Amino acid sequence: MSENKQRIKQMLLENRGLITAKQVSACRIPRQRLTEMIDSHEIVRVGRGVYALPQVLEDEMFVLQYRFSRGIFSHETALYLHGVTDRTPHYFVMTFPQGYNTESVKQNGVNAKTAVARLYELGLTVIFSHAGQPLKAYNIERTLCDIIKSKSDIQFINQAMKAYANSKEKNISKLLTYADELRVKPKILTYLEVLL
């Protein structure tokens, strides 16, 4: 095996099985090596300029996070990651900073939302995908505020709020702080009065 291919494999291992053509070029490795590795089925192309080990493709959320690194899993997708809902999302929802061009994100079947700069990282946490890969997502308190603000399906909201109210990890103070920031505090208070 050539030295360049060996370096690419090492980079893949260091990057949890994903690599970009930009990273390869930055190491002064000809991009032709990527094509050769695709032809020999050592890697697969998962998007424009993004390559992965074949087994990584099974974690679609991690691949999306890698391709759209500014995106944060939110709304129904974040609820799913937190295990608050039993519904598997029909599509993934990611939030990006206001002004981010979301056209390519939408072309990949992602429901792209935007948030103003001061709220973009509010409630940001790291949660692990079902395949064990780290993903950026909003915490449960921020997510509950988001689904109420975006007027999700009422049954979906009710299920999520009930699960939260019954959770040992609930943080009502944090939920109310976020609800105030995101301007949904009266609605959150109504749910809490009924459920607690």
N, C-alpha and C. Protein backbone atom coordinates (compact mmCIF):
# COMPACT_ATOMS: atom_id res chain seq x y z
N MET A 1 0.85 -1.18 0.00
CA MET A 1 0.00 0.00 0.00
C MET A 1 0.89 1.24 0.00
N SER A 2 0.48 2.24 -0.78
CA SER A 2 1.29 3.46 -0.86
C SER A 2 1.25 4.23 0.45
N GLU A 3 2.27 5.05 0.63
CA GLU A 3 2.36 5.86 1.85
C GLU A 3 1.16 6.82 1.96
N ASN A 4 0.75 7.39 0.80
CA ASN A 4 -0.38 8.32 0.81
C ASN A 4 -1.68 7.64 1.23
N LYS A 5 -1.91 6.43 0.72
CA LYS A 5 -3.12 5.70 1.12
C LYS A 5 -3.08 5.37 2.60
N GLN A 6 -1.92 5.03 3.09
CA GLN A 6 -1.77 4.73 4.51
C GLN A 6 -2.09 5.97 5.36
N ARG A 7 -1.63 7.14 4.91
CA ARG A 7 -1.92 8.38 5.62
C ARG A 7 -3.41 8.69 5.61
N ILE A 8 -4.07 8.43 4.46
CA ILE A 8 -5.52 8.65 4.38
C ILE A 8 -6.25 7.72 5.35
N LYS A 9 -5.84 6.47 5.40
CA LYS A 9 -6.48 5.52 6.33
C LYS A 9 -6.29 5.97 7.78
N GLN A 10 -5.10 6.48 8.09
CA GLN A 10 -4.85 6.97 9.45
C GLN A 10 -5.75 8.17 9.75
N MET A 11 -5.90 9.06 8.78
CA MET A 11 -6.77 10.23 8.96
C MET A 11 -8.22 9.79 9.16
N LEU A 12 -8.65 8.78 8.43
CA LEU A 12 -10.00 8.25 8.59
C LEU A 12 -10.22 7.73 10.00
N LEU A 13 -9.24 7.02 10.52
CA LEU A 13 -9.34 6.48 11.88
C LEU A 13 -9.40 7.61 12.91
N GLU A 14 -8.63 8.66 12.70
CA GLU A 14 -8.61 9.79 13.63
C GLU A 14 -9.89 10.63 13.56
N ASN A 15 -10.61 10.56 12.42
CA ASN A 15 -11.82 11.36 12.21
C ASN A 15 -13.10 10.52 12.27
N ARG A 16 -13.05 9.43 13.02
CA ARG A 16 -14.23 8.57 13.21
C ARG A 16 -14.78 8.03 11.90
N GLY A 17 -13.88 7.77 10.93
CA GLY A 17 -14.28 7.12 9.69
C GLY A 17 -14.68 8.04 8.56
N LEU A 18 -14.55 9.35 8.75
CA LEU A 18 -14.90 10.31 7.70
C LEU A 18 -13.72 11.22 7.40
N ILE A 19 -13.69 11.69 6.15
CA ILE A 19 -12.62 12.59 5.74
C ILE A 19 -13.13 13.45 4.58
N THR A 20 -12.54 14.63 4.44
CA THR A 20 -12.92 15.49 3.31
C THR A 20 -11.74 15.60 2.33
N ALA A 21 -12.08 15.92 1.10
CA ALA A 21 -11.04 16.12 0.09
C ALA A 21 -10.15 17.29 0.50
N LYS A 22 -10.72 18.27 1.16
CA LYS A 22 -9.97 19.44 1.63
C LYS A 22 -8.89 19.01 2.63
N GLN A 23 -9.23 18.08 3.54
CA GLN A 23 -8.25 17.59 4.51
C GLN A 23 -7.12 16.85 3.81
N VAL A 24 -7.47 16.07 2.80
CA VAL A 24 -6.47 15.31 2.06
C VAL A 24 -5.53 16.28 1.34
N SER A 25 -6.08 17.28 0.70
CA SER A 25 -5.26 18.28 -0.01
C SER A 25 -4.36 19.05 0.95
N ALA A 26 -4.88 19.35 2.15
CA ALA A 26 -4.09 20.08 3.14
C ALA A 26 -2.85 19.29 3.57
N CYS A 27 -2.92 17.98 3.45
CA CYS A 27 -1.77 17.12 3.78
C CYS A 27 -0.89 16.85 2.56
N ARG A 28 -1.18 17.56 1.49
CA ARG A 28 -0.43 17.44 0.23
C ARG A 28 -0.47 16.04 -0.36
N ILE A 29 -1.63 15.42 -0.22
CA ILE A 29 -1.86 14.11 -0.82
C ILE A 29 -2.73 14.35 -2.05
N PRO A 30 -2.33 13.82 -3.22
CA PRO A 30 -3.15 14.01 -4.42
C PRO A 30 -4.55 13.42 -4.23
N ARG A 31 -5.55 14.15 -4.67
CA ARG A 31 -6.94 13.69 -4.53
C ARG A 31 -7.20 12.42 -5.34
N GLN A 32 -6.33 12.14 -6.27
CA GLN A 32 -6.45 10.92 -7.08
C GLN A 32 -6.43 9.68 -6.18
N ARG A 33 -5.74 9.77 -5.03
CA ARG A 33 -5.69 8.62 -4.11
C ARG A 33 -7.09 8.28 -3.58
N LEU A 34 -7.91 9.30 -3.39
CA LEU A 34 -9.29 9.07 -2.95
C LEU A 34 -10.06 8.28 -4.01
N THR A 35 -9.90 8.67 -5.27
CA THR A 35 -10.56 7.97 -6.37
C THR A 35 -10.11 6.51 -6.43
N GLU A 36 -8.81 6.30 -6.26
CA GLU A 36 -8.30 4.92 -6.26
C GLU A 36 -8.89 4.10 -5.12
N MET A 37 -9.04 4.72 -3.97
CA MET A 37 -9.59 4.02 -2.81
C MET A 37 -11.09 3.73 -2.98
N ILE A 38 -11.79 4.60 -3.70
CA ILE A 38 -13.19 4.34 -4.02
C ILE A 38 -13.28 3.14 -4.97
N ASP A 39 -12.44 3.17 -6.00
CA ASP A 39 -12.44 2.08 -6.99
C ASP A 39 -12.12 0.72 -6.36
N SER A 40 -11.29 0.73 -5.33
CA SER A 40 -10.93 -0.55 -4.67
C SER A 40 -11.85 -0.85 -3.48
N HIS A 41 -12.94 -0.07 -3.33
CA HIS A 41 -13.96 -0.27 -2.30
C HIS A 41 -13.43 -0.13 -0.87
N GLU A 42 -12.36 0.62 -0.71
CA GLU A 42 -11.82 0.87 0.63
C GLU A 42 -12.59 1.99 1.32
N ILE A 43 -13.11 2.94 0.52
CA ILE A 43 -13.92 4.05 1.03
C ILE A 43 -15.08 4.27 0.07
N VAL A 44 -16.06 5.06 0.53
CA VAL A 44 -17.18 5.44 -0.33
C VAL A 44 -17.35 6.96 -0.27
N ARG A 45 -17.86 7.51 -1.34
CA ARG A 45 -18.13 8.94 -1.40
C ARG A 45 -19.53 9.15 -0.85
N VAL A 46 -19.66 9.95 0.20
CA VAL A 46 -20.96 10.17 0.82
C VAL A 46 -21.56 11.53 0.47
N GLY A 47 -20.80 12.34 -0.20
CA GLY A 47 -21.28 13.65 -0.60
C GLY A 47 -20.15 14.38 -1.29
N ARG A 48 -20.45 15.55 -1.77
CA ARG A 48 -19.44 16.34 -2.46
C ARG A 48 -18.25 16.60 -1.55
N GLY A 49 -17.11 15.98 -1.88
CA GLY A 49 -15.89 16.20 -1.12
C GLY A 49 -15.83 15.48 0.22
N VAL A 50 -16.77 14.58 0.51
CA VAL A 50 -16.79 13.86 1.78
C VAL A 50 -16.73 12.36 1.52
N TYR A 51 -15.83 11.69 2.23
CA TYR A 51 -15.60 10.26 2.02
C TYR A 51 -15.63 9.53 3.36
N ALA A 52 -16.02 8.24 3.31
CA ALA A 52 -16.16 7.49 4.56
C ALA A 52 -15.75 6.04 4.38
N LEU A 53 -15.41 5.43 5.49
CA LEU A 53 -15.23 3.99 5.51
C LEU A 53 -16.62 3.38 5.32
N PRO A 54 -16.74 2.26 4.64
CA PRO A 54 -18.06 1.69 4.34
C PRO A 54 -18.96 1.51 5.57
N GLN A 55 -18.44 1.11 6.71
CA GLN A 55 -19.27 0.86 7.88
C GLN A 55 -19.84 2.14 8.50
N VAL A 56 -19.25 3.30 8.21
CA VAL A 56 -19.72 4.57 8.78
C VAL A 56 -21.03 5.01 8.13
N LEU A 57 -21.27 4.60 6.91
CA LEU A 57 -22.49 5.00 6.20
C LEU A 57 -23.75 4.64 6.94
N GLU A 58 -23.70 3.68 7.81
CA GLU A 58 -24.89 3.25 8.54
C GLU A 58 -25.36 4.32 9.54
N ASP A 59 -24.52 5.27 9.88
CA ASP A 59 -24.89 6.33 10.82
C ASP A 59 -25.16 7.62 10.05
N GLU A 60 -26.36 7.69 9.48
CA GLU A 60 -26.72 8.80 8.61
C GLU A 60 -26.65 10.15 9.34
N MET A 61 -27.01 10.18 10.61
CA MET A 61 -26.99 11.44 11.35
C MET A 61 -25.56 11.95 11.53
N PHE A 62 -24.62 11.04 11.79
CA PHE A 62 -23.23 11.45 11.95
C PHE A 62 -22.68 11.99 10.64
N VAL A 63 -23.04 11.35 9.54
CA VAL A 63 -22.59 11.82 8.22
C VAL A 63 -23.15 13.22 7.95
N LEU A 64 -24.43 13.44 8.26
CA LEU A 64 -25.01 14.78 8.07
C LEU A 64 -24.31 15.81 8.93
N GLN A 65 -24.03 15.46 10.19
CA GLN A 65 -23.35 16.37 11.10
C GLN A 65 -21.96 16.72 10.56
N TYR A 66 -21.29 15.74 10.00
CA TYR A 66 -19.95 15.95 9.47
C TYR A 66 -20.00 16.86 8.24
N ARG A 67 -20.97 16.59 7.37
CA ARG A 67 -21.08 17.39 6.14
C ARG A 67 -21.52 18.82 6.43
N PHE A 68 -22.43 18.99 7.37
CA PHE A 68 -22.98 20.30 7.70
C PHE A 68 -22.64 20.62 9.15
N SER A 69 -21.37 20.88 9.38
CA SER A 69 -20.84 20.98 10.75
C SER A 69 -21.43 22.13 11.56
N ARG A 70 -22.02 23.11 10.91
CA ARG A 70 -22.64 24.22 11.66
C ARG A 70 -24.03 23.86 12.15
N GLY A 71 -24.57 22.75 11.66
CA GLY A 71 -25.92 22.34 12.03
C GLY A 71 -25.99 21.69 13.40
N ILE A 72 -27.09 21.95 14.10
CA ILE A 72 -27.35 21.35 15.42
C ILE A 72 -28.69 20.62 15.31
N PHE A 73 -28.70 19.35 15.66
CA PHE A 73 -29.95 18.60 15.60
C PHE A 73 -30.95 19.21 16.59
N SER A 74 -32.16 19.43 16.11
CA SER A 74 -33.15 20.15 16.90
C SER A 74 -34.55 19.59 16.69
N HIS A 75 -35.51 20.21 17.34
CA HIS A 75 -36.92 19.89 17.22
C HIS A 75 -37.19 18.39 17.40
N GLU A 76 -37.96 17.79 16.50
CA GLU A 76 -38.35 16.39 16.64
C GLU A 76 -37.15 15.45 16.63
N THR A 77 -36.11 15.80 15.87
CA THR A 77 -34.91 14.96 15.81
C THR A 77 -34.20 14.94 17.16
N ALA A 78 -34.12 16.09 17.82
CA ALA A 78 -33.49 16.14 19.14
C ALA A 78 -34.30 15.35 20.16
N LEU A 79 -35.63 15.44 20.08
CA LEU A 79 -36.47 14.65 20.99
C LEU A 79 -36.19 13.16 20.82
N TYR A 80 -36.06 12.74 19.58
CA TYR A 80 -35.75 11.33 19.28
C TYR A 80 -34.40 10.94 19.88
N LEU A 81 -33.40 11.79 19.71
CA LEU A 81 -32.07 11.50 20.25
C LEU A 81 -32.09 11.42 21.77
N HIS A 82 -32.92 12.22 22.41
CA HIS A 82 -33.02 12.22 23.87
C HIS A 82 -33.90 11.08 24.38
N GLY A 83 -34.54 10.35 23.47
CA GLY A 83 -35.38 9.23 23.87
C GLY A 83 -36.71 9.65 24.49
N VAL A 84 -37.15 10.87 24.20
CA VAL A 84 -38.38 11.38 24.76
C VAL A 84 -39.60 10.97 23.92
N THR A 85 -39.38 10.59 22.70
CA THR A 85 -40.46 10.17 21.83
C THR A 85 -40.17 8.80 21.26
N ASP A 86 -41.22 8.07 20.98
CA ASP A 86 -41.05 6.77 20.36
C ASP A 86 -41.19 6.85 18.84
N ARG A 87 -41.45 8.04 18.34
CA ARG A 87 -41.58 8.24 16.89
C ARG A 87 -40.22 8.41 16.24
N THR A 88 -39.94 7.59 15.24
CA THR A 88 -38.72 7.77 14.46
C THR A 88 -38.97 8.92 13.49
N PRO A 89 -38.07 9.90 13.42
CA PRO A 89 -38.31 11.05 12.53
C PRO A 89 -38.37 10.62 11.06
N HIS A 90 -39.33 11.20 10.34
CA HIS A 90 -39.44 10.95 8.89
C HIS A 90 -38.35 11.70 8.14
N TYR A 91 -37.88 12.77 8.72
CA TYR A 91 -36.79 13.57 8.17
C TYR A 91 -36.06 14.19 9.35
N PHE A 92 -34.82 14.59 9.13
CA PHE A 92 -34.03 15.18 10.21
C PHE A 92 -34.21 16.69 10.21
N VAL A 93 -34.17 17.27 11.41
CA VAL A 93 -34.28 18.72 11.56
C VAL A 93 -32.97 19.21 12.17
N MET A 94 -32.38 20.22 11.54
CA MET A 94 -31.14 20.83 12.03
C MET A 94 -31.32 22.34 12.04
N THR A 95 -30.73 22.98 13.04
CA THR A 95 -30.78 24.44 13.14
C THR A 95 -29.40 25.01 12.83
N PHE A 96 -29.40 26.08 12.05
CA PHE A 96 -28.17 26.75 11.62
C PHE A 96 -28.21 28.21 12.03
N PRO A 97 -27.05 28.86 12.10
CA PRO A 97 -27.07 30.30 12.43
C PRO A 97 -27.75 31.09 11.32
N GLN A 98 -28.45 32.13 11.71
CA GLN A 98 -29.11 32.98 10.73
C GLN A 98 -28.09 33.49 9.72
N GLY A 99 -28.45 33.45 8.44
CA GLY A 99 -27.56 33.89 7.38
C GLY A 99 -26.83 32.73 6.71
N TYR A 100 -26.87 31.55 7.31
CA TYR A 100 -26.23 30.36 6.72
C TYR A 100 -27.05 29.92 5.50
N ASN A 101 -26.38 29.63 4.39
CA ASN A 101 -27.07 29.19 3.19
C ASN A 101 -27.48 27.72 3.37
N THR A 102 -28.77 27.47 3.50
CA THR A 102 -29.26 26.12 3.79
C THR A 102 -29.73 25.35 2.55
N GLU A 103 -29.48 25.88 1.37
CA GLU A 103 -29.97 25.21 0.15
C GLU A 103 -29.44 23.78 0.02
N SER A 104 -28.13 23.58 0.18
CA SER A 104 -27.59 22.23 0.02
C SER A 104 -28.07 21.31 1.14
N VAL A 105 -28.33 21.87 2.31
CA VAL A 105 -28.86 21.08 3.43
C VAL A 105 -30.25 20.56 3.06
N LYS A 106 -31.09 21.45 2.55
CA LYS A 106 -32.45 21.08 2.16
C LYS A 106 -32.44 20.06 1.03
N GLN A 107 -31.48 20.19 0.10
CA GLN A 107 -31.38 19.23 -1.00
C GLN A 107 -31.04 17.83 -0.51
N ASN A 108 -30.53 17.72 0.70
CA ASN A 108 -30.21 16.43 1.29
C ASN A 108 -31.34 15.92 2.19
N GLY A 109 -32.53 16.51 2.06
CA GLY A 109 -33.70 16.03 2.78
C GLY A 109 -33.79 16.45 4.23
N VAL A 110 -33.01 17.45 4.61
CA VAL A 110 -33.02 17.93 5.99
C VAL A 110 -33.93 19.15 6.08
N ASN A 111 -34.76 19.20 7.12
CA ASN A 111 -35.57 20.38 7.38
C ASN A 111 -34.66 21.36 8.12
N ALA A 112 -34.23 22.40 7.43
CA ALA A 112 -33.27 23.36 7.99
C ALA A 112 -33.99 24.55 8.61
N LYS A 113 -33.68 24.81 9.87
CA LYS A 113 -34.20 25.97 10.60
C LYS A 113 -33.03 26.92 10.83
N THR A 114 -33.33 28.16 11.16
CA THR A 114 -32.27 29.11 11.50
C THR A 114 -32.58 29.77 12.83
N ALA A 115 -31.53 30.22 13.49
CA ALA A 115 -31.68 30.91 14.77
C ALA A 115 -30.76 32.13 14.79
N VAL A 116 -31.20 33.19 15.45
CA VAL A 116 -30.37 34.38 15.57
C VAL A 116 -29.13 34.03 16.40
N ALA A 117 -28.07 34.79 16.21
CA ALA A 117 -26.78 34.47 16.82
C ALA A 117 -26.86 34.27 18.33
N ARG A 118 -27.59 35.10 19.05
CA ARG A 118 -27.60 35.00 20.51
C ARG A 118 -28.33 33.76 21.01
N LEU A 119 -29.18 33.16 20.15
CA LEU A 119 -29.93 31.97 20.56
C LEU A 119 -29.41 30.68 19.92
N TYR A 120 -28.53 30.83 18.94
CA TYR A 120 -28.07 29.66 18.17
C TYR A 120 -27.45 28.57 19.05
N GLU A 121 -26.61 28.93 20.01
CA GLU A 121 -25.95 27.92 20.85
C GLU A 121 -26.63 27.71 22.20
N LEU A 122 -27.75 28.36 22.43
CA LEU A 122 -28.49 28.20 23.68
C LEU A 122 -28.94 26.74 23.83
N GLY A 123 -28.48 26.09 24.87
CA GLY A 123 -28.87 24.70 25.11
C GLY A 123 -28.10 23.67 24.31
N LEU A 124 -26.99 24.08 23.71
CA LEU A 124 -26.19 23.14 22.90
C LEU A 124 -25.57 22.08 23.80
N THR A 125 -25.65 20.83 23.37
CA THR A 125 -25.06 19.73 24.11
C THR A 125 -24.55 18.69 23.11
N VAL A 126 -23.83 17.72 23.59
CA VAL A 126 -23.39 16.60 22.75
C VAL A 126 -24.13 15.36 23.21
N ILE A 127 -24.71 14.68 22.26
CA ILE A 127 -25.44 13.43 22.54
C ILE A 127 -24.94 12.40 21.54
N PHE A 128 -25.02 11.16 21.88
CA PHE A 128 -24.47 10.12 21.00
C PHE A 128 -25.56 9.48 20.16
N SER A 129 -25.22 9.24 18.89
CA SER A 129 -26.15 8.57 17.98
C SER A 129 -26.32 7.13 18.41
N HIS A 130 -27.25 6.44 17.79
CA HIS A 130 -27.48 5.03 18.12
C HIS A 130 -26.26 4.17 17.76
N ALA A 131 -25.40 4.69 16.89
CA ALA A 131 -24.18 3.98 16.53
C ALA A 131 -22.99 4.42 17.39
N GLY A 132 -23.25 5.30 18.36
CA GLY A 132 -22.20 5.71 19.30
C GLY A 132 -21.36 6.89 18.86
N GLN A 133 -21.77 7.60 17.82
CA GLN A 133 -21.01 8.76 17.34
C GLN A 133 -21.53 10.03 18.01
N PRO A 134 -20.63 10.98 18.33
CA PRO A 134 -21.07 12.23 18.97
C PRO A 134 -21.79 13.15 17.98
N LEU A 135 -22.90 13.71 18.44
CA LEU A 135 -23.69 14.63 17.63
C LEU A 135 -23.98 15.89 18.42
N LYS A 136 -24.02 17.01 17.74
CA LYS A 136 -24.44 18.25 18.38
C LYS A 136 -25.97 18.31 18.32
N ALA A 137 -26.58 18.53 19.48
CA ALA A 137 -28.03 18.64 19.56
C ALA A 137 -28.37 19.63 20.67
N TYR A 138 -29.60 20.11 20.65
CA TYR A 138 -30.05 20.94 21.74
C TYR A 138 -30.48 20.05 22.89
N ASN A 139 -30.30 20.55 24.12
CA ASN A 139 -30.73 19.78 25.29
C ASN A 139 -32.26 19.71 25.30
N ILE A 140 -32.79 18.91 26.19
CA ILE A 140 -34.23 18.65 26.19
C ILE A 140 -35.04 19.90 26.49
N GLU A 141 -34.56 20.76 27.37
CA GLU A 141 -35.30 21.98 27.71
C GLU A 141 -35.42 22.91 26.50
N ARG A 142 -34.33 23.12 25.79
CA ARG A 142 -34.37 23.96 24.59
C ARG A 142 -35.28 23.33 23.54
N THR A 143 -35.20 22.02 23.41
CA THR A 143 -35.99 21.32 22.40
C THR A 143 -37.48 21.45 22.66
N LEU A 144 -37.88 21.33 23.92
CA LEU A 144 -39.30 21.49 24.25
C LEU A 144 -39.80 22.89 23.88
N CYS A 145 -38.98 23.89 24.16
CA CYS A 145 -39.35 25.27 23.79
C CYS A 145 -39.46 25.40 22.27
N ASP A 146 -38.52 24.79 21.55
CA ASP A 146 -38.54 24.87 20.08
C ASP A 146 -39.79 24.23 19.48
N ILE A 147 -40.17 23.04 19.98
CA ILE A 147 -41.34 22.38 19.36
C ILE A 147 -42.63 23.13 19.67
N ILE A 148 -42.68 23.78 20.84
CA ILE A 148 -43.87 24.58 21.16
C ILE A 148 -43.89 25.85 20.30
N LYS A 149 -42.73 26.46 20.15
CA LYS A 149 -42.65 27.69 19.35
C LYS A 149 -42.99 27.43 17.88
N SER A 150 -42.55 26.26 17.36
CA SER A 150 -42.79 25.96 15.95
C SER A 150 -44.16 25.33 15.72
N LYS A 151 -44.95 25.20 16.80
CA LYS A 151 -46.31 24.68 16.72
C LYS A 151 -46.36 23.28 16.10
N SER A 152 -45.54 22.37 16.64
CA SER A 152 -45.56 20.97 16.20
C SER A 152 -46.92 20.36 16.51
N ASP A 153 -47.12 19.15 16.04
CA ASP A 153 -48.34 18.39 16.29
C ASP A 153 -48.62 18.34 17.79
N ILE A 154 -49.86 18.68 18.19
CA ILE A 154 -50.22 18.78 19.61
C ILE A 154 -50.03 17.45 20.35
N GLN A 155 -50.31 16.34 19.71
CA GLN A 155 -50.11 15.04 20.35
C GLN A 155 -48.63 14.79 20.60
N PHE A 156 -47.82 15.23 19.68
CA PHE A 156 -46.36 15.09 19.80
C PHE A 156 -45.86 15.93 20.97
N ILE A 157 -46.35 17.15 21.08
CA ILE A 157 -45.95 18.04 22.18
C ILE A 157 -46.40 17.46 23.52
N ASN A 158 -47.65 16.99 23.57
CA ASN A 158 -48.17 16.41 24.81
C ASN A 158 -47.32 15.22 25.27
N GLN A 159 -46.99 14.33 24.34
CA GLN A 159 -46.18 13.16 24.68
C GLN A 159 -44.81 13.59 25.23
N ALA A 160 -44.19 14.56 24.57
CA ALA A 160 -42.86 15.03 24.98
C ALA A 160 -42.92 15.71 26.35
N MET A 161 -43.92 16.55 26.56
CA MET A 161 -44.04 17.25 27.85
C MET A 161 -44.33 16.28 28.99
N LYS A 162 -45.16 15.27 28.75
CA LYS A 162 -45.44 14.26 29.78
C LYS A 162 -44.17 13.49 30.14
N ALA A 163 -43.43 13.09 29.11
CA ALA A 163 -42.18 12.35 29.36
C ALA A 163 -41.21 13.21 30.16
N TYR A 164 -41.13 14.50 29.83
CA TYR A 164 -40.24 15.40 30.55
C TYR A 164 -40.69 15.57 32.00
N ALA A 165 -41.98 15.76 32.21
CA ALA A 165 -42.51 15.96 33.56
C ALA A 165 -42.24 14.74 34.45
N ASN A 166 -42.22 13.55 33.85
CA ASN A 166 -41.97 12.31 34.60
C ASN A 166 -40.48 11.98 34.74
N SER A 167 -39.63 12.74 34.08
CA SER A 167 -38.19 12.47 34.08
C SER A 167 -37.53 12.89 35.40
N LYS A 168 -36.59 12.09 35.84
CA LYS A 168 -35.82 12.43 37.05
C LYS A 168 -34.80 13.53 36.76
N GLU A 169 -34.44 13.69 35.49
CA GLU A 169 -33.42 14.68 35.11
C GLU A 169 -34.00 16.04 34.72
N LYS A 170 -35.30 16.22 34.89
CA LYS A 170 -35.89 17.50 34.46
C LYS A 170 -35.30 18.65 35.29
N ASN A 171 -35.18 19.80 34.63
CA ASN A 171 -34.65 20.99 35.27
C ASN A 171 -35.62 22.13 34.95
N ILE A 172 -36.61 22.28 35.80
CA ILE A 172 -37.69 23.25 35.55
C ILE A 172 -37.13 24.68 35.47
N SER A 173 -36.16 24.98 36.31
CA SER A 173 -35.57 26.32 36.30
C SER A 173 -34.94 26.62 34.93
N LYS A 174 -34.19 25.67 34.41
CA LYS A 174 -33.56 25.84 33.09
C LYS A 174 -34.64 25.95 32.01
N LEU A 175 -35.67 25.11 32.09
CA LEU A 175 -36.75 25.15 31.11
C LEU A 175 -37.41 26.52 31.08
N LEU A 176 -37.67 27.09 32.26
CA LEU A 176 -38.32 28.40 32.32
C LEU A 176 -37.40 29.52 31.83
N THR A 177 -36.11 29.39 32.10
CA THR A 177 -35.14 30.38 31.59
C THR A 177 -35.13 30.37 30.06
N TYR A 178 -35.06 29.17 29.49
CA TYR A 178 -35.07 29.04 28.02
C TYR A 178 -36.41 29.52 27.45
N ALA A 179 -37.50 29.17 28.12
CA ALA A 179 -38.83 29.57 27.65
C ALA A 179 -38.94 31.10 27.61
N ASP A 180 -38.34 31.76 28.59
CA ASP A 180 -38.34 33.22 28.61
C ASP A 180 -37.52 33.76 27.44
N GLU A 181 -36.33 33.20 27.23
CA GLU A 181 -35.46 33.63 26.12
C GLU A 181 -36.12 33.43 24.76
N LEU A 182 -36.82 32.31 24.62
CA LEU A 182 -37.43 31.95 23.33
C LEU A 182 -38.89 32.41 23.20
N ARG A 183 -39.35 33.15 24.21
CA ARG A 183 -40.67 33.78 24.20
C ARG A 183 -41.83 32.79 24.12
N VAL A 184 -41.72 31.72 24.88
CA VAL A 184 -42.82 30.74 24.95
C VAL A 184 -43.17 30.43 26.41
N LYS A 185 -42.77 31.31 27.32
CA LYS A 185 -42.96 31.03 28.75
C LYS A 185 -44.42 30.81 29.14
N PRO A 186 -45.39 31.62 28.66
CA PRO A 186 -46.79 31.36 29.05
C PRO A 186 -47.27 29.97 28.64
N LYS A 187 -46.88 29.53 27.45
CA LYS A 187 -47.30 28.20 26.98
C LYS A 187 -46.65 27.09 27.80
N ILE A 188 -45.36 27.25 28.12
CA ILE A 188 -44.66 26.26 28.95
C ILE A 188 -45.31 26.19 30.33
N LEU A 189 -45.62 27.35 30.92
CA LEU A 189 -46.25 27.38 32.23
C LEU A 189 -47.61 26.66 32.22
N THR A 190 -48.35 26.82 31.15
CA THR A 190 -49.65 26.14 31.03
C THR A 190 -49.46 24.63 31.07
N TYR A 191 -48.49 24.12 30.32
CA TYR A 191 -48.22 22.67 30.33
C TYR A 191 -47.77 22.21 31.71
N LEU A 192 -46.88 22.98 32.33
CA LEU A 192 -46.36 22.58 33.65
C LEU A 192 -47.44 22.58 34.72
N GLU A 193 -48.38 23.52 34.64
CA GLU A 193 -49.47 23.56 35.63
C GLU A 193 -50.33 22.29 35.54
N VAL A 194 -50.53 21.81 34.34
CA VAL A 194 -51.34 20.61 34.14
C VAL A 194 -50.58 19.34 34.54
N LEU A 195 -49.30 19.30 34.22
CA LEU A 195 -48.53 18.06 34.37
C LEU A 195 -47.85 17.88 35.72
N LEU A 196 -47.59 18.98 36.43
CA LEU A 196 -46.86 18.83 37.71
C LEU A 196 -47.78 19.00 38.92
